[in-house]
Amino acid sequence: MGVAAGRKGGIVKNRSIFLVIAAGLIAGGMAWSLASSQTFGVRKRRPKPNEYGTEIIDNFSVKNGMAPVAFPHWVHRARYTCRLCHVDIGFAMTAGATGITEEDNRHGMYCGTCHNGQIAFRWDEGTKNAPKKNCQRCHSVGLHVKMKNDFYAFREKMPRQRFGNGIDWLKAEEEGLITLQDTLPGVSFDRPKLKNPADEELVAREIDMPKIVFSHKKHAVEAGCELCHPEIFPIKKGAVTYSMQDIFDGKYCGACHGKVSFPNADCQRCHTEPVT
């Protein structure tokens, strides 16, 4: 009885310590998120290349004694288009906004669409007599978990860019270094192919700032049409006006750029047309 009670007490104590640590990490993440939305007055910490695009998801994890999920975008964008996950599968564009539950995943929705033991690892593996739990492969915030995918080994083989992950993802696809899957059987619907609209010229209000030549083709490769239209951008060019501050605040181009796509600090990637 004494030994059993001691073990139980130790488990409760360890769980309490974990919850305190996890709560601190979440609070710190919220503080960082609030700070990152304030554009002026301080030089913000730039995420490390392996951290860029990683989202912390905790709708229900800590409440249920689990570590929050650290979702590495780089692992997934090396295999799938943005459109497949954010349109066909239905993930929201903001971390935590989908409200994914374990029940959703176990019924083949959201993460469970692929993490089913066939396309990718599922929550448990092994046999009935020797089960293997995979919880910590996703619920890893604050834990020392050795990941199967090595970011730095992957990055060594990829063309470089200055910011974000330090990987030129578009060039990697053009050179055949990655091949992105855009549909999943039983999830995606057949869609007729559309002709990509012509490039759009966007004029900056700053006199000495180069114009933007927006390539529909480059964006449609990964996003399709429906990821941007009609919710983020209206169909008609010029129907709304937006500023760089809007983009810094996560609207319009900022729905992707500065979060997962290359950050806004890389001005010349968009402002490409020479000033005359």
Protein backbone atom coordinates (compact mmCIF):
# COMPACT_ATOMS: atom_id res chain seq x y z
CA MET A 1 0.00 0.00 0.00
CA GLY A 2 2.77 2.42 1.00
CA VAL A 3 4.78 1.72 -2.17
CA ALA A 4 1.69 2.02 -4.39
CA ALA A 5 0.67 5.26 -2.73
CA GLY A 6 4.20 6.61 -3.15
CA ARG A 7 4.22 5.79 -6.86
CA LYS A 8 0.81 7.37 -7.33
CA GLY A 9 1.94 10.48 -5.51
CA GLY A 10 5.05 10.68 -7.68
CA ILE A 11 2.97 10.39 -10.86
CA VAL A 12 0.60 13.13 -9.73
CA LYS A 13 3.53 15.35 -8.75
CA ASN A 14 5.33 14.79 -12.08
CA ARG A 15 2.15 15.49 -14.01
CA SER A 16 1.64 18.70 -12.05
CA ILE A 17 5.20 19.79 -12.82
CA PHE A 18 4.65 19.05 -16.53
CA LEU A 19 1.42 21.06 -16.58
CA VAL A 20 3.14 24.02 -14.94
CA ILE A 21 5.98 23.88 -17.51
CA ALA A 22 3.56 23.49 -20.41
CA ALA A 23 1.40 26.35 -19.17
CA GLY A 24 4.52 28.51 -18.98
CA LEU A 25 5.46 27.60 -22.55
CA ILE A 26 1.97 28.42 -23.79
CA ALA A 27 1.98 31.73 -21.93
CA GLY A 28 5.40 32.50 -23.37
CA GLY A 29 4.17 31.61 -26.84
CA MET A 30 1.17 33.91 -26.43
CA ALA A 31 3.44 36.70 -25.27
CA TRP A 32 5.73 36.15 -28.27
CA SER A 33 2.70 36.14 -30.57
CA LEU A 34 1.46 39.43 -29.13
CA ALA A 35 4.91 40.93 -29.37
CA SER A 36 5.31 39.75 -32.95
CA SER A 37 2.13 41.61 -33.93
CA GLN A 38 3.64 44.90 -32.75
CA THR A 39 5.58 46.16 -35.73
CA PHE A 40 7.47 49.13 -34.30
CA GLY A 41 9.78 49.97 -31.40
CA VAL A 42 11.77 46.78 -30.96
CA ARG A 43 13.92 44.46 -33.03
CA LYS A 44 12.21 41.09 -32.81
CA ARG A 45 13.99 37.76 -32.54
CA ARG A 46 14.23 36.10 -35.94
CA PRO A 47 13.29 32.39 -35.78
CA LYS A 48 16.07 29.89 -36.47
CA PRO A 49 15.81 28.21 -39.89
CA ASN A 50 14.59 24.94 -38.38
CA GLU A 51 11.96 26.81 -36.35
CA TYR A 52 10.53 28.97 -39.12
CA GLY A 53 6.95 28.00 -39.95
CA THR A 54 6.58 25.69 -36.94
CA GLU A 55 3.17 26.19 -35.32
CA ILE A 56 2.37 25.43 -31.67
CA ILE A 57 -1.12 23.93 -31.37
CA ASP A 58 -2.83 23.56 -28.01
CA ASN A 59 -6.60 23.55 -28.13
CA PHE A 60 -7.00 20.65 -25.72
CA SER A 61 -3.54 19.12 -25.11
CA VAL A 62 -2.48 20.67 -21.80
CA LYS A 63 -6.01 20.34 -20.41
CA ASN A 64 -5.68 16.60 -20.96
CA GLY A 65 -2.17 16.24 -19.55
CA MET A 66 -0.40 16.19 -22.92
CA ALA A 67 2.32 18.44 -24.28
CA PRO A 68 1.18 20.84 -27.04
CA VAL A 69 1.79 19.86 -30.65
CA ALA A 70 4.77 21.34 -32.50
CA PHE A 71 3.77 21.23 -36.17
CA PRO A 72 6.78 21.61 -38.51
CA HIS A 73 5.56 23.06 -41.80
CA TRP A 74 8.84 22.28 -43.56
CA VAL A 75 8.34 18.50 -43.26
CA HIS A 76 4.89 18.70 -44.82
CA ARG A 77 5.54 21.33 -47.47
CA ALA A 78 8.37 19.16 -48.80
CA ARG A 79 5.71 16.58 -49.74
CA TYR A 80 2.34 18.28 -50.21
CA THR A 81 0.89 21.46 -51.68
CA CYS A 82 -0.54 24.12 -49.39
CA ARG A 83 -3.85 23.70 -51.23
CA LEU A 84 -4.21 20.03 -50.32
CA CYS A 85 -3.99 20.68 -46.59
CA HIS A 86 -5.74 24.05 -46.35
CA VAL A 87 -8.51 23.47 -48.90
CA ASP A 88 -9.21 19.75 -49.39
CA ILE A 89 -8.38 18.57 -45.86
CA GLY A 90 -9.66 21.78 -44.29
CA PHE A 91 -6.98 23.14 -41.99
CA ALA A 92 -7.49 26.79 -41.05
CA MET A 93 -4.77 29.29 -41.96
CA THR A 94 -4.20 30.28 -38.32
CA ALA A 95 -2.66 27.94 -35.74
CA GLY A 96 -5.29 26.49 -33.41
CA ALA A 97 -8.24 27.94 -35.34
CA THR A 98 -9.39 24.53 -36.61
CA GLY A 99 -9.96 23.13 -33.12
CA ILE A 100 -8.70 19.64 -33.98
CA THR A 101 -9.61 16.90 -31.48
CA GLU A 102 -8.18 13.43 -30.98
CA GLU A 103 -11.56 12.04 -32.02
CA ASP A 104 -11.31 13.94 -35.33
CA ASN A 105 -7.91 12.41 -36.03
CA ARG A 106 -8.97 8.89 -35.08
CA HIS A 107 -11.87 9.18 -37.51
CA GLY A 108 -9.62 10.11 -40.42
CA MET A 109 -10.03 13.88 -40.40
CA TYR A 110 -7.38 16.62 -40.36
CA CYS A 111 -4.06 15.05 -39.21
CA GLY A 112 -5.75 11.63 -39.33
CA THR A 113 -6.27 11.98 -43.08
CA CYS A 114 -2.63 10.96 -43.56
CA HIS A 115 -1.54 9.79 -40.12
CA ASN A 116 -3.39 6.50 -40.44
CA GLY A 117 -0.54 3.99 -40.48
CA GLN A 118 -0.64 3.76 -44.28
CA ILE A 119 0.41 7.16 -45.61
CA ALA A 120 2.19 8.28 -42.44
CA PHE A 121 2.62 6.98 -38.88
CA ARG A 122 -0.51 6.80 -36.73
CA TRP A 123 -0.98 7.46 -33.01
CA ASP A 124 -0.13 3.85 -32.14
CA GLU A 125 1.71 1.06 -33.89
CA GLY A 126 2.98 -2.42 -33.17
CA THR A 127 0.90 -5.41 -32.09
CA LYS A 128 -1.81 -5.95 -29.51
CA ASN A 129 0.71 -7.60 -27.18
CA ALA A 130 3.44 -5.05 -27.87
CA PRO A 131 1.77 -1.72 -28.66
CA LYS A 132 3.86 1.35 -29.38
CA LYS A 133 2.49 4.82 -28.69
CA ASN A 134 3.52 7.62 -31.04
CA CYS A 135 2.00 10.51 -29.05
CA GLN A 136 5.30 12.33 -28.46
CA ARG A 137 6.16 12.41 -32.16
CA CYS A 138 3.65 15.28 -32.38
CA HIS A 139 2.98 16.30 -28.76
CA SER A 140 6.58 17.37 -28.28
CA VAL A 141 6.67 20.95 -26.94
CA GLY A 142 8.95 21.13 -23.90
CA LEU A 143 10.08 17.52 -24.31
CA HIS A 144 13.38 16.15 -25.58
CA VAL A 145 12.13 14.21 -28.58
CA LYS A 146 14.50 13.11 -31.35
CA MET A 147 12.69 13.69 -34.62
CA LYS A 148 12.95 11.25 -37.50
CA ASN A 149 13.29 14.05 -40.07
CA ASP A 150 16.55 15.98 -39.85
CA PHE A 151 16.03 19.56 -41.03
CA TYR A 152 19.71 20.36 -41.51
CA ALA A 153 20.38 17.20 -43.54
CA PHE A 154 17.39 18.06 -45.74
CA ARG A 155 18.43 21.70 -46.13
CA GLU A 156 21.94 20.75 -47.29
CA LYS A 157 20.46 19.39 -50.53
CA MET A 158 18.17 22.34 -51.22
CA PRO A 159 18.78 25.65 -53.04
CA ARG A 160 19.26 28.50 -50.59
CA GLN A 161 17.47 31.74 -49.93
CA ARG A 162 18.24 34.49 -47.43
CA PHE A 163 15.37 34.30 -44.95
CA GLY A 164 12.83 31.94 -43.40
CA ASN A 165 13.96 28.31 -43.58
CA GLY A 166 16.84 29.39 -45.80
CA ILE A 167 15.37 27.18 -48.54
CA ASP A 168 14.19 28.38 -51.95
CA TRP A 169 11.14 26.10 -52.12
CA LEU A 170 10.00 27.23 -55.55
CA LYS A 171 13.40 26.59 -57.08
CA ALA A 172 13.60 23.21 -55.32
CA GLU A 173 10.39 22.17 -57.06
CA GLU A 174 11.47 23.59 -60.42
CA GLU A 175 14.71 21.59 -60.20
CA GLY A 176 12.86 18.38 -59.31
CA LEU A 177 14.37 18.14 -55.83
CA ILE A 178 10.88 17.89 -54.35
CA THR A 179 7.63 16.67 -55.92
CA LEU A 180 4.47 17.94 -54.30
CA GLN A 181 1.32 15.86 -54.06
CA ASP A 182 -1.81 17.93 -54.71
CA THR A 183 -4.63 15.40 -54.27
CA LEU A 184 -5.60 12.48 -52.05
CA PRO A 185 -7.98 9.68 -53.09
CA GLY A 186 -11.25 9.89 -51.20
CA VAL A 187 -10.51 13.44 -50.07
CA SER A 188 -9.89 15.56 -53.15
CA PHE A 189 -12.45 16.13 -55.89
CA ASP A 190 -11.69 16.15 -59.59
CA ARG A 191 -11.20 19.72 -60.74
CA PRO A 192 -10.93 20.86 -64.35
CA LYS A 193 -7.61 22.46 -65.11
CA LEU A 194 -7.74 26.22 -65.52
CA LYS A 195 -5.45 28.47 -67.48
CA ASN A 196 -3.33 30.58 -65.16
CA PRO A 197 -4.19 34.29 -65.43
CA ALA A 198 -1.51 36.67 -66.62
CA ASP A 199 0.94 38.25 -64.21
CA GLU A 200 -0.39 41.27 -62.36
CA GLU A 201 1.53 44.50 -61.89
CA LEU A 202 1.00 46.01 -58.44
CA VAL A 203 2.16 49.58 -57.99
CA ALA A 204 3.74 50.58 -54.69
CA ARG A 205 2.74 53.94 -53.23
CA GLU A 206 6.32 54.75 -52.23
CA ILE A 207 7.91 56.62 -55.14
CA ASP A 208 11.28 54.88 -54.92
CA MET A 209 9.93 51.39 -54.21
CA PRO A 210 10.02 48.98 -57.19
CA LYS A 211 6.71 47.69 -58.51
CA ILE A 212 5.55 44.15 -57.79
CA VAL A 213 5.05 41.72 -60.63
CA PHE A 214 2.69 39.15 -59.11
CA SER A 215 2.92 35.72 -60.73
CA HIS A 216 -0.33 33.76 -60.60
CA LYS A 217 1.48 30.74 -62.01
CA LYS A 218 4.04 30.55 -59.20
CA HIS A 219 1.36 30.80 -56.54
CA ALA A 220 -1.12 28.44 -58.22
CA VAL A 221 1.45 25.63 -58.22
CA GLU A 222 1.10 25.27 -54.45
CA ALA A 223 -2.04 27.22 -53.55
CA GLY A 224 -4.39 26.68 -56.46
CA CYS A 225 -6.98 29.45 -56.91
CA GLU A 226 -9.31 28.72 -54.02
CA LEU A 227 -6.79 29.15 -51.21
CA CYS A 228 -6.53 32.88 -51.99
CA HIS A 229 -9.88 33.63 -53.69
CA PRO A 230 -12.40 34.86 -52.72
CA GLU A 231 -11.75 35.04 -48.96
CA ILE A 232 -8.25 36.53 -48.74
CA PHE A 233 -8.35 38.42 -52.04
CA PRO A 234 -11.44 39.35 -54.09
CA ILE A 235 -11.53 38.11 -57.66
CA LYS A 236 -11.39 41.54 -59.27
CA LYS A 237 -8.05 43.32 -59.26
CA GLY A 238 -8.16 46.60 -57.37
CA ALA A 239 -11.43 45.83 -55.57
CA VAL A 240 -9.67 46.38 -52.23
CA THR A 241 -6.60 48.37 -51.29
CA TYR A 242 -4.18 47.19 -48.64
CA SER A 243 -0.99 48.44 -47.09
CA MET A 244 2.27 46.92 -45.93
CA GLN A 245 0.98 47.37 -42.39
CA ASP A 246 -1.98 45.12 -43.28
CA ILE A 247 0.48 42.53 -44.56
CA PHE A 248 2.63 42.83 -41.42
CA ASP A 249 -0.56 42.23 -39.41
CA GLY A 250 -1.15 38.91 -41.17
CA LYS A 251 -3.70 40.01 -43.77
CA TYR A 252 -3.68 39.55 -47.55
CA CYS A 253 -0.12 38.49 -48.57
CA GLY A 254 0.65 38.27 -44.84
CA ALA A 255 -1.71 35.31 -44.47
CA CYS A 256 1.26 33.22 -45.68
CA HIS A 257 4.31 35.46 -45.96
CA GLY A 258 5.99 36.01 -42.62
CA LYS A 259 4.46 32.82 -41.21
CA VAL A 260 5.37 29.94 -43.54
CA SER A 261 6.20 31.41 -46.95
CA PHE A 262 9.32 33.60 -47.14
CA PRO A 263 9.12 36.54 -44.70
CA ASN A 264 8.36 40.16 -45.51
CA ALA A 265 11.95 41.13 -44.71
CA ASP A 266 12.92 39.73 -48.13
CA CYS A 267 11.57 42.82 -49.97
CA GLN A 268 13.28 42.12 -53.29
CA ARG A 269 11.51 38.80 -53.76
CA CYS A 270 8.30 40.73 -54.50
CA HIS A 271 9.42 44.26 -55.40
CA THR A 272 11.28 43.19 -58.52
CA GLU A 273 10.54 45.70 -61.28
CA PRO A 274 13.28 48.34 -61.58
CA VAL A 275 12.42 51.91 -60.63
CA THR A 276 12.38 54.15 -63.72
